[in-house]
Amino acid sequence: MTQSLPYSKELLQCVEAGSEDLLLGAKAVSRVLNPDSDLADVDSRLLYLAEEIQKRGESVEAMLKVFHDEGFKRVDEDNFHEYVNSDIAHVLASKEGIPITYVAIILGVTAHLSLTSHGVNFPGVFLAQVDDTIVNPIDFSILNYEEFTSNLKKRNIDVPDRPELASNSDILKRMFNNLQEVASAKGDVVRRLEFVDYMELIEPDDWFPHFKRAEAWASMGDYGAARSELKIARGFLSDESTIAMIDRNLAQLPERSDGDQILN
């Protein structure tokens, strides 16, 4: 079923590329959000930024200076929960976005340069690694990873000791997870389920899309569908603590709702 989703071919090609050509997937996300997105303009803007960086010496510092000089900034809190923040075409044009979209832009720009870049998985915020430097895309600054994580650990926050480089699959799943959270905040259950379908497309054997789909069904009062999705999620798991969490959610579901069959 997920194979019939619009732009599934491009997304799967991006996943199969491992950590190369993320732009293919980012453009597909743009088209999912806006079928009329001007993808040629995306290429043009990325090339322009790369050329400006080259003029300044093609370094991490030069790249960050260009982003600052061009006026890129984080979207303000009032507009944070909007679909367009995950649309690379919109973010390049408006110069306002969220960290993960800015990481996709950094990767798209550095594809034209000698700089090597990757996304970095991190709780709560998505980071970039350019050459050996960690970049915080919230404000386009260089981040001392050891100092940053040390401060979080002092607050008993569990964080990776070393930067965990992200694959295209990691990045695209996180983008669609962000989008389903936006849809949830908007009360747009149909769109939320669509974004969860894309998460499952990207990683079919992952428990998490089924968990999120269960949340969506439960929000509509379809507890039978929610129960079924939680049981599917449970079947993908081996981690006992996550299984226990799923079991708690199953136990909390009402036994019956209008049109809902009790499962034996």
Protein backbone atom coordinates (compact mmCIF):
# COMPACT_ATOMS: atom_id res chain seq x y z
CA MET A 1 0.00 0.00 0.00
CA THR A 2 2.76 2.44 0.92
CA GLN A 3 4.44 1.80 -2.46
CA SER A 4 1.56 3.68 -4.14
CA LEU A 5 2.22 6.88 -2.16
CA PRO A 6 3.11 9.88 -4.33
CA TYR A 7 6.88 10.28 -4.79
CA SER A 8 7.55 6.90 -3.16
CA LYS A 9 9.99 6.04 -5.97
CA GLU A 10 12.15 9.08 -5.30
CA LEU A 11 12.07 8.53 -1.54
CA LEU A 12 13.08 4.89 -1.86
CA GLN A 13 15.89 5.79 -4.26
CA CYS A 14 17.13 8.25 -1.67
CA VAL A 15 16.97 5.60 1.07
CA GLU A 16 18.88 3.14 -1.12
CA ALA A 17 21.60 5.74 -1.68
CA GLY A 18 22.61 5.38 1.98
CA SER A 19 24.10 8.73 2.92
CA GLU A 20 24.47 10.20 -0.58
CA ASP A 21 22.12 12.49 -2.51
CA LEU A 22 19.78 13.39 0.35
CA LEU A 23 18.54 16.21 -1.86
CA LEU A 24 16.51 13.71 -3.91
CA GLY A 25 14.52 12.82 -0.80
CA ALA A 26 14.26 16.40 0.45
CA LYS A 27 12.81 17.44 -2.91
CA ALA A 28 10.32 14.56 -2.72
CA VAL A 29 9.18 15.78 0.70
CA SER A 30 8.76 19.24 -0.82
CA ARG A 31 6.54 17.80 -3.56
CA VAL A 32 4.52 15.78 -1.02
CA LEU A 33 3.77 19.05 0.75
CA ASN A 34 3.34 21.12 -2.41
CA PRO A 35 3.11 19.32 -5.77
CA ASP A 36 3.85 22.66 -7.48
CA SER A 37 7.17 23.23 -5.68
CA ASP A 38 9.77 24.80 -7.95
CA LEU A 39 12.57 22.26 -7.66
CA ALA A 40 14.67 24.02 -10.31
CA ASP A 41 14.68 27.03 -8.02
CA VAL A 42 15.95 24.78 -5.20
CA ASP A 43 18.93 23.78 -7.35
CA SER A 44 19.58 27.37 -8.35
CA ARG A 45 19.56 28.66 -4.76
CA LEU A 46 21.82 25.87 -3.50
CA LEU A 47 24.31 26.54 -6.29
CA TYR A 48 24.25 30.27 -5.51
CA LEU A 49 25.05 29.61 -1.84
CA ALA A 50 27.87 27.24 -2.82
CA GLU A 51 29.39 29.83 -5.14
CA GLU A 52 29.26 32.46 -2.38
CA ILE A 53 31.07 30.06 -0.04
CA GLN A 54 33.71 29.36 -2.67
CA LYS A 55 34.38 33.09 -2.96
CA ARG A 56 35.20 33.16 0.76
CA GLY A 57 37.59 30.25 0.86
CA GLU A 58 35.40 27.12 1.01
CA SER A 59 35.61 26.40 4.74
CA VAL A 60 33.09 25.64 7.49
CA GLU A 61 33.51 29.18 8.79
CA ALA A 62 32.92 30.63 5.33
CA MET A 63 29.79 28.52 4.93
CA LEU A 64 28.32 29.69 8.24
CA LYS A 65 29.20 33.31 7.41
CA VAL A 66 27.30 33.05 4.13
CA PHE A 67 24.20 31.66 5.85
CA HIS A 68 24.34 34.50 8.38
CA ASP A 69 24.93 37.16 5.71
CA GLU A 70 22.10 35.81 3.56
CA GLY A 71 19.70 36.20 6.48
CA PHE A 72 18.83 32.59 7.24
CA LYS A 73 17.23 32.22 10.66
CA ARG A 74 15.17 29.82 12.70
CA VAL A 75 11.42 30.13 12.27
CA ASP A 76 9.79 31.90 15.20
CA GLU A 77 7.79 29.95 17.78
CA ASP A 78 4.42 31.20 16.52
CA ASN A 79 5.05 29.57 13.13
CA PHE A 80 7.01 26.53 14.29
CA HIS A 81 4.17 24.02 13.78
CA GLU A 82 3.68 24.56 10.06
CA TYR A 83 4.13 22.07 7.22
CA VAL A 84 6.14 24.54 5.12
CA ASN A 85 9.04 24.39 7.60
CA SER A 86 9.85 20.95 6.20
CA ASP A 87 9.61 22.13 2.58
CA ILE A 88 13.14 22.82 1.32
CA ALA A 89 11.81 24.98 -1.52
CA HIS A 90 9.87 27.20 0.89
CA VAL A 91 12.69 27.41 3.43
CA LEU A 92 15.26 28.40 0.80
CA ALA A 93 12.95 31.15 -0.45
CA SER A 94 11.78 32.43 2.95
CA LYS A 95 15.13 31.86 4.74
CA GLU A 96 13.22 30.69 7.79
CA GLY A 97 13.17 27.05 8.80
CA ILE A 98 13.71 24.32 11.35
CA PRO A 99 17.04 22.57 12.05
CA ILE A 100 16.50 19.38 10.04
CA THR A 101 15.50 21.27 6.89
CA TYR A 102 18.56 23.47 7.31
CA VAL A 103 20.71 20.34 7.59
CA ALA A 104 19.24 19.15 4.27
CA ILE A 105 20.19 22.54 2.80
CA ILE A 106 23.72 22.30 4.21
CA LEU A 107 24.11 18.86 2.65
CA GLY A 108 22.72 20.17 -0.64
CA VAL A 109 25.14 23.11 -0.65
CA THR A 110 28.23 21.10 0.30
CA ALA A 111 27.50 18.64 -2.52
CA HIS A 112 28.87 21.44 -4.76
CA LEU A 113 31.96 21.91 -2.56
CA SER A 114 34.96 19.98 -1.33
CA LEU A 115 33.43 19.97 2.17
CA THR A 116 32.11 16.64 3.44
CA SER A 117 28.86 16.77 5.38
CA HIS A 118 26.46 14.48 7.22
CA GLY A 119 23.39 14.79 9.36
CA VAL A 120 23.86 13.97 13.04
CA ASN A 121 21.16 12.21 15.04
CA PHE A 122 20.62 13.89 18.38
CA PRO A 123 17.72 13.98 20.87
CA GLY A 124 15.56 17.07 20.53
CA VAL A 125 17.54 18.75 17.76
CA PHE A 126 19.11 17.64 14.51
CA LEU A 127 22.75 18.63 13.92
CA ALA A 128 25.20 18.58 11.02
CA GLN A 129 28.81 17.52 10.75
CA VAL A 130 30.81 19.40 8.12
CA ASP A 131 34.28 17.93 7.71
CA ASP A 132 35.14 17.30 11.40
CA THR A 133 33.10 20.21 12.75
CA ILE A 134 29.70 19.93 14.41
CA VAL A 135 27.29 22.63 13.25
CA ASN A 136 24.19 23.71 15.14
CA PRO A 137 21.64 24.61 12.44
CA ILE A 138 19.46 26.50 14.91
CA ASP A 139 21.77 29.50 14.60
CA PHE A 140 24.42 28.30 12.10
CA SER A 141 27.13 28.15 14.74
CA ILE A 142 30.02 25.80 15.49
CA LEU A 143 29.17 23.52 18.38
CA ASN A 144 31.65 21.98 20.83
CA TYR A 145 30.06 18.54 20.95
CA GLU A 146 31.92 17.32 24.04
CA GLU A 147 31.04 20.42 26.04
CA PHE A 148 27.46 20.41 24.75
CA THR A 149 26.84 16.77 25.72
CA SER A 150 28.66 17.14 29.04
CA ASN A 151 26.25 19.88 30.11
CA LEU A 152 23.27 17.75 29.14
CA LYS A 153 24.62 14.72 31.01
CA LYS A 154 24.90 16.84 34.16
CA ARG A 155 21.12 17.25 33.86
CA ASN A 156 20.73 13.44 33.60
CA ILE A 157 19.81 13.63 29.92
CA ASP A 158 20.87 10.54 27.99
CA VAL A 159 22.87 11.62 24.92
CA PRO A 160 25.37 9.88 22.60
CA ASP A 161 29.03 10.19 23.63
CA ARG A 162 30.05 10.67 20.01
CA PRO A 163 28.21 12.16 17.03
CA GLU A 164 25.98 9.54 15.43
CA LEU A 165 26.00 10.17 11.68
CA ALA A 166 22.58 9.90 10.09
CA SER A 167 21.64 7.99 6.97
CA ASN A 168 19.15 9.30 4.42
CA SER A 169 16.63 6.94 6.00
CA ASP A 170 17.20 8.47 9.44
CA ILE A 171 16.74 11.99 8.11
CA LEU A 172 13.64 11.28 6.04
CA LYS A 173 11.96 9.37 8.87
CA ARG A 174 12.64 12.28 11.19
CA MET A 175 11.27 14.76 8.67
CA PHE A 176 8.02 12.81 8.30
CA ASN A 177 7.82 12.30 12.06
CA ASN A 178 8.06 16.08 12.48
CA LEU A 179 5.30 16.48 9.90
CA GLN A 180 2.98 14.00 11.60
CA GLU A 181 3.51 15.88 14.87
CA VAL A 182 2.55 19.12 13.12
CA ALA A 183 -0.55 17.40 11.72
CA SER A 184 -1.38 16.16 15.21
CA ALA A 185 -1.07 19.69 16.62
CA LYS A 186 -3.40 20.92 13.88
CA GLY A 187 -5.91 18.13 14.48
CA ASP A 188 -5.46 16.99 10.87
CA VAL A 189 -5.75 13.22 11.37
CA VAL A 190 -5.97 12.36 7.68
CA ARG A 191 -2.70 14.17 6.93
CA ARG A 192 -1.12 12.67 10.04
CA LEU A 193 -1.89 9.16 8.83
CA GLU A 194 -0.45 10.04 5.43
CA PHE A 195 2.86 11.14 6.97
CA VAL A 196 2.96 7.98 9.10
CA ASP A 197 2.49 5.95 5.91
CA TYR A 198 5.61 7.62 4.52
CA MET A 199 7.50 6.70 7.70
CA GLU A 200 6.52 3.07 7.16
CA LEU A 201 7.50 3.28 3.48
CA ILE A 202 11.01 4.37 4.46
CA GLU A 203 11.47 1.62 7.05
CA PRO A 204 8.81 -1.11 6.72
CA ASP A 205 10.04 -3.16 9.70
CA ASP A 206 10.10 -0.30 12.18
CA TRP A 207 7.71 -0.41 15.15
CA PHE A 208 7.45 3.36 15.49
CA PRO A 209 5.09 4.16 12.56
CA HIS A 210 2.60 1.63 13.93
CA PHE A 211 2.81 3.28 17.35
CA LYS A 212 2.15 6.68 15.81
CA ARG A 213 -0.68 5.29 13.70
CA ALA A 214 -2.21 3.85 16.90
CA GLU A 215 -2.05 7.33 18.47
CA ALA A 216 -3.89 8.77 15.48
CA TRP A 217 -6.63 6.11 15.53
CA ALA A 218 -7.06 6.51 19.29
CA SER A 219 -7.44 10.28 18.86
CA MET A 220 -10.44 9.52 16.61
CA GLY A 221 -11.91 7.03 19.07
CA ASP A 222 -11.19 4.00 16.91
CA TYR A 223 -9.68 1.93 19.69
CA GLY A 224 -9.90 -1.33 17.75
CA ALA A 225 -7.64 0.04 15.02
CA ALA A 226 -5.34 1.54 17.65
CA ARG A 227 -5.13 -1.81 19.44
CA SER A 228 -4.28 -3.61 16.20
CA GLU A 229 -1.48 -1.16 15.38
CA LEU A 230 -0.01 -1.43 18.87
CA LYS A 231 0.05 -5.22 18.55
CA ILE A 232 1.85 -4.92 15.20
CA ALA A 233 4.35 -2.52 16.77
CA ARG A 234 4.92 -4.97 19.63
CA GLY A 235 5.73 -7.74 17.16
CA PHE A 236 8.68 -5.75 15.77
CA LEU A 237 10.22 -5.19 19.19
CA SER A 238 12.82 -7.02 21.24
CA ASP A 239 13.63 -4.29 23.77
CA GLU A 240 11.82 -5.14 26.99
CA SER A 241 11.35 -1.56 28.16
CA THR A 242 9.71 -0.54 24.87
CA ILE A 243 7.53 -3.65 24.91
CA ALA A 244 6.44 -2.71 28.44
CA MET A 245 5.54 0.77 27.18
CA ILE A 246 3.42 -0.74 24.38
CA ASP A 247 1.70 -3.02 26.89
CA ARG A 248 0.87 -0.05 29.10
CA ASN A 249 -0.68 1.71 26.12
CA LEU A 250 -2.69 -1.40 25.25
CA ALA A 251 -3.95 -1.65 28.83
CA GLN A 252 -5.03 2.00 28.80
CA LEU A 253 -7.18 1.67 25.67
CA PRO A 254 -10.93 1.49 26.36
CA GLU A 255 -12.36 -1.95 25.70
CA ARG A 256 -15.11 -0.68 23.41
CA SER A 257 -16.08 2.40 21.41
CA ASP A 258 -18.83 3.05 18.88
CA GLY A 259 -18.29 0.63 16.03
CA ASP A 260 -15.28 -0.91 17.81
CA GLN A 261 -15.09 -4.65 18.27
CA ILE A 262 -13.55 -6.05 21.43
CA LEU A 263 -10.43 -8.00 20.42
CA ASN A 264 -9.83 -11.36 22.09
